[in-house]
């Protein structure tokens, strides 16, 4: 492994379509569903790309971050909107971690009795 090698290789994103090579029926079903989800509906394609960008950051998928950064830009979002989206994802993720502190407190208080 060289200094430039990492587990994540941005070029692999272009190979995503190959995921169905050994399970074509399942891949087709996924990609059909995926296409329907990201089509215009109650939310625009632009709005869905912003949602996906936030989720990509919350689940920390570098491939998704790359893909939806591009999608956001291609669909008319700007860096300010995209940055705010990342902050929304961070607030939800951070809040979810904090609210689980209630579980910790319940257990600690029960054991401490």
C-alpha atoms as a PDB file:
ATOM      1  CA  UNK A   1       0.000   0.000   0.000  1.00  0.00           C
ATOM      2  CA  UNK A   2       1.383   3.404  -0.929  1.00  0.00           C
ATOM      3  CA  UNK A   3       0.773   6.667   0.874  1.00  0.00           C
ATOM      4  CA  UNK A   4      -2.030   7.414  -1.596  1.00  0.00           C
ATOM      5  CA  UNK A   5      -3.874   4.086  -1.193  1.00  0.00           C
ATOM      6  CA  UNK A   6      -6.940   4.023   1.000  1.00  0.00           C
ATOM      7  CA  UNK A   7      -9.883   1.705   1.483  1.00  0.00           C
ATOM      8  CA  UNK A   8     -12.044   4.332  -0.188  1.00  0.00           C
ATOM      9  CA  UNK A   9     -11.250   4.814  -3.859  1.00  0.00           C
ATOM     10  CA  UNK A  10     -13.337   7.534  -5.548  1.00  0.00           C
ATOM     11  CA  UNK A  11     -13.087   5.665  -8.868  1.00  0.00           C
ATOM     12  CA  UNK A  12     -15.104   2.824  -7.334  1.00  0.00           C
ATOM     13  CA  UNK A  13     -18.222   5.005  -7.377  1.00  0.00           C
ATOM     14  CA  UNK A  14     -18.297   4.656 -11.160  1.00  0.00           C
ATOM     15  CA  UNK A  15     -18.427   0.867 -10.701  1.00  0.00           C
ATOM     16  CA  UNK A  16     -21.586   0.909  -8.580  1.00  0.00           C
ATOM     17  CA  UNK A  17     -23.687  -0.394 -11.463  1.00  0.00           C
ATOM     18  CA  UNK A  18     -21.604  -3.568 -11.423  1.00  0.00           C
ATOM     19  CA  UNK A  19     -22.995  -4.484  -7.987  1.00  0.00           C
ATOM     20  CA  UNK A  20     -25.650  -6.599  -9.704  1.00  0.00           C
ATOM     21  CA  UNK A  21     -23.242  -8.727 -11.681  1.00  0.00           C
ATOM     22  CA  UNK A  22     -23.962 -11.833  -9.605  1.00  0.00           C
ATOM     23  CA  UNK A  23     -27.510 -10.930  -8.550  1.00  0.00           C
ATOM     24  CA  UNK A  24     -29.042  -9.116 -11.541  1.00  0.00           C
ATOM     25  CA  UNK A  25     -32.685  -9.490 -10.482  1.00  0.00           C
ATOM     26  CA  UNK A  26     -32.036  -7.978  -7.069  1.00  0.00           C
ATOM     27  CA  UNK A  27     -29.932  -5.188  -8.545  1.00  0.00           C
ATOM     28  CA  UNK A  28     -32.621  -4.354 -11.102  1.00  0.00           C
ATOM     29  CA  UNK A  29     -35.232  -4.167  -8.344  1.00  0.00           C
ATOM     30  CA  UNK A  30     -33.006  -1.907  -6.260  1.00  0.00           C
ATOM     31  CA  UNK A  31     -32.139   0.404  -9.151  1.00  0.00           C
ATOM     32  CA  UNK A  32     -35.793   0.591 -10.274  1.00  0.00           C
ATOM     33  CA  UNK A  33     -36.817   1.548  -6.742  1.00  0.00           C
ATOM     34  CA  UNK A  34     -33.882   3.955  -6.405  1.00  0.00           C
ATOM     35  CA  UNK A  35     -34.824   5.662  -9.659  1.00  0.00           C
ATOM     36  CA  UNK A  36     -38.436   6.039  -8.567  1.00  0.00           C
ATOM     37  CA  UNK A  37     -37.423   7.447  -5.176  1.00  0.00           C
ATOM     38  CA  UNK A  38     -35.210  10.105  -6.736  1.00  0.00           C
ATOM     39  CA  UNK A  39     -37.688  11.194  -9.431  1.00  0.00           C
ATOM     40  CA  UNK A  40     -39.683  14.399  -9.029  1.00  0.00           C
ATOM     41  CA  UNK A  41     -42.599  13.906  -6.667  1.00  0.00           C
ATOM     42  CA  UNK A  42     -43.806  15.812  -3.645  1.00  0.00           C
ATOM     43  CA  UNK A  43     -40.133  16.810  -3.353  1.00  0.00           C
ATOM     44  CA  UNK A  44     -38.143  18.004  -6.330  1.00  0.00           C
ATOM     45  CA  UNK A  45     -35.036  16.185  -7.544  1.00  0.00           C
ATOM     46  CA  UNK A  46     -33.033  19.109  -6.123  1.00  0.00           C
ATOM     47  CA  UNK A  47     -34.653  18.796  -2.686  1.00  0.00           C
ATOM     48  CA  UNK A  48     -34.145  15.022  -2.672  1.00  0.00           C
ATOM     49  CA  UNK A  49     -30.462  15.498  -3.515  1.00  0.00           C
ATOM     50  CA  UNK A  50     -30.103  17.791  -0.484  1.00  0.00           C
ATOM     51  CA  UNK A  51     -31.826  15.245   1.758  1.00  0.00           C
ATOM     52  CA  UNK A  52     -29.537  12.533   0.383  1.00  0.00           C
ATOM     53  CA  UNK A  53     -26.495  14.721   1.013  1.00  0.00           C
ATOM     54  CA  UNK A  54     -27.502  15.138   4.651  1.00  0.00           C
ATOM     55  CA  UNK A  55     -28.129  11.408   5.067  1.00  0.00           C
ATOM     56  CA  UNK A  56     -24.807  10.637   3.353  1.00  0.00           C
ATOM     57  CA  UNK A  57     -23.032  12.685   6.002  1.00  0.00           C
ATOM     58  CA  UNK A  58     -25.045  11.130   8.826  1.00  0.00           C
ATOM     59  CA  UNK A  59     -24.158   7.590   7.707  1.00  0.00           C
ATOM     60  CA  UNK A  60     -20.647   8.744   6.749  1.00  0.00           C
ATOM     61  CA  UNK A  61     -20.594   7.194   3.272  1.00  0.00           C
ATOM     62  CA  UNK A  62     -17.810   8.856   1.261  1.00  0.00           C
ATOM     63  CA  UNK A  63     -19.197   7.474  -2.014  1.00  0.00           C
ATOM     64  CA  UNK A  64     -22.615   8.953  -1.255  1.00  0.00           C
ATOM     65  CA  UNK A  65     -21.085  12.269  -0.201  1.00  0.00           C
ATOM     66  CA  UNK A  66     -19.294  12.443  -3.556  1.00  0.00           C
ATOM     67  CA  UNK A  67     -22.381  11.430  -5.523  1.00  0.00           C
ATOM     68  CA  UNK A  68     -24.803  13.770  -3.790  1.00  0.00           C
ATOM     69  CA  UNK A  69     -22.419  16.708  -3.717  1.00  0.00           C
ATOM     70  CA  UNK A  70     -22.344  16.395  -7.497  1.00  0.00           C
ATOM     71  CA  UNK A  71     -26.092  15.824  -7.696  1.00  0.00           C
ATOM     72  CA  UNK A  72     -26.806  18.887  -5.562  1.00  0.00           C
ATOM     73  CA  UNK A  73     -24.615  21.087  -7.739  1.00  0.00           C
ATOM     74  CA  UNK A  74     -26.050  19.631 -10.961  1.00  0.00           C
ATOM     75  CA  UNK A  75     -29.580  20.307  -9.707  1.00  0.00           C
ATOM     76  CA  UNK A  76     -28.993  23.936  -8.782  1.00  0.00           C
ATOM     77  CA  UNK A  77     -28.044  23.883  -5.111  1.00  0.00           C
ATOM     78  CA  UNK A  78     -25.293  26.152  -3.889  1.00  0.00           C
ATOM     79  CA  UNK A  79     -22.560  25.663  -1.324  1.00  0.00           C
ATOM     80  CA  UNK A  80     -24.451  27.625   1.345  1.00  0.00           C
ATOM     81  CA  UNK A  81     -27.502  25.332   1.053  1.00  0.00           C
ATOM     82  CA  UNK A  82     -25.320  22.241   1.012  1.00  0.00           C
ATOM     83  CA  UNK A  83     -23.355  23.368   4.068  1.00  0.00           C
ATOM     84  CA  UNK A  84     -26.573  24.092   5.959  1.00  0.00           C
ATOM     85  CA  UNK A  85     -27.801  20.618   5.011  1.00  0.00           C
ATOM     86  CA  UNK A  86     -24.658  19.098   6.539  1.00  0.00           C
ATOM     87  CA  UNK A  87     -25.269  21.099   9.723  1.00  0.00           C
ATOM     88  CA  UNK A  88     -28.853  19.811   9.903  1.00  0.00           C
ATOM     89  CA  UNK A  89     -27.563  16.243   9.591  1.00  0.00           C
ATOM     90  CA  UNK A  90     -24.996  16.926  12.307  1.00  0.00           C
ATOM     91  CA  UNK A  91     -27.615  18.374  14.646  1.00  0.00           C
ATOM     92  CA  UNK A  92     -29.867  15.342  14.228  1.00  0.00           C
ATOM     93  CA  UNK A  93     -26.998  12.878  14.600  1.00  0.00           C
ATOM     94  CA  UNK A  94     -25.647  14.703  17.657  1.00  0.00           C
ATOM     95  CA  UNK A  95     -29.089  15.006  19.197  1.00  0.00           C
ATOM     96  CA  UNK A  96     -29.714  11.304  18.649  1.00  0.00           C
ATOM     97  CA  UNK A  97     -26.514  10.499  20.530  1.00  0.00           C
ATOM     98  CA  UNK A  98     -27.440  12.828  23.375  1.00  0.00           C
ATOM     99  CA  UNK A  99     -30.995  11.570  23.767  1.00  0.00           C
ATOM    100  CA  UNK A 100     -29.642   8.055  24.241  1.00  0.00           C
ATOM    101  CA  UNK A 101     -28.077   9.479  27.374  1.00  0.00           C
ATOM    102  CA  UNK A 102     -31.528   9.061  28.903  1.00  0.00           C
ATOM    103  CA  UNK A 103     -31.021   5.285  28.650  1.00  0.00           C
ATOM    104  CA  UNK A 104     -27.637   5.586  30.340  1.00  0.00           C
ATOM    105  CA  UNK A 105     -29.120   7.642  33.154  1.00  0.00           C
ATOM    106  CA  UNK A 106     -31.963   5.176  33.727  1.00  0.00           C
ATOM    107  CA  UNK A 107     -29.548   2.251  33.986  1.00  0.00           C
ATOM    108  CA  UNK A 108     -27.082   4.170  36.159  1.00  0.00           C
ATOM    109  CA  UNK A 109     -29.834   5.333  38.512  1.00  0.00           C
ATOM    110  CA  UNK A 110     -31.280   1.821  38.769  1.00  0.00           C
ATOM    111  CA  UNK A 111     -27.888   0.296  39.560  1.00  0.00           C
ATOM    112  CA  UNK A 112     -27.042   3.064  42.017  1.00  0.00           C
ATOM    113  CA  UNK A 113     -30.122   2.375  44.148  1.00  0.00           C
END
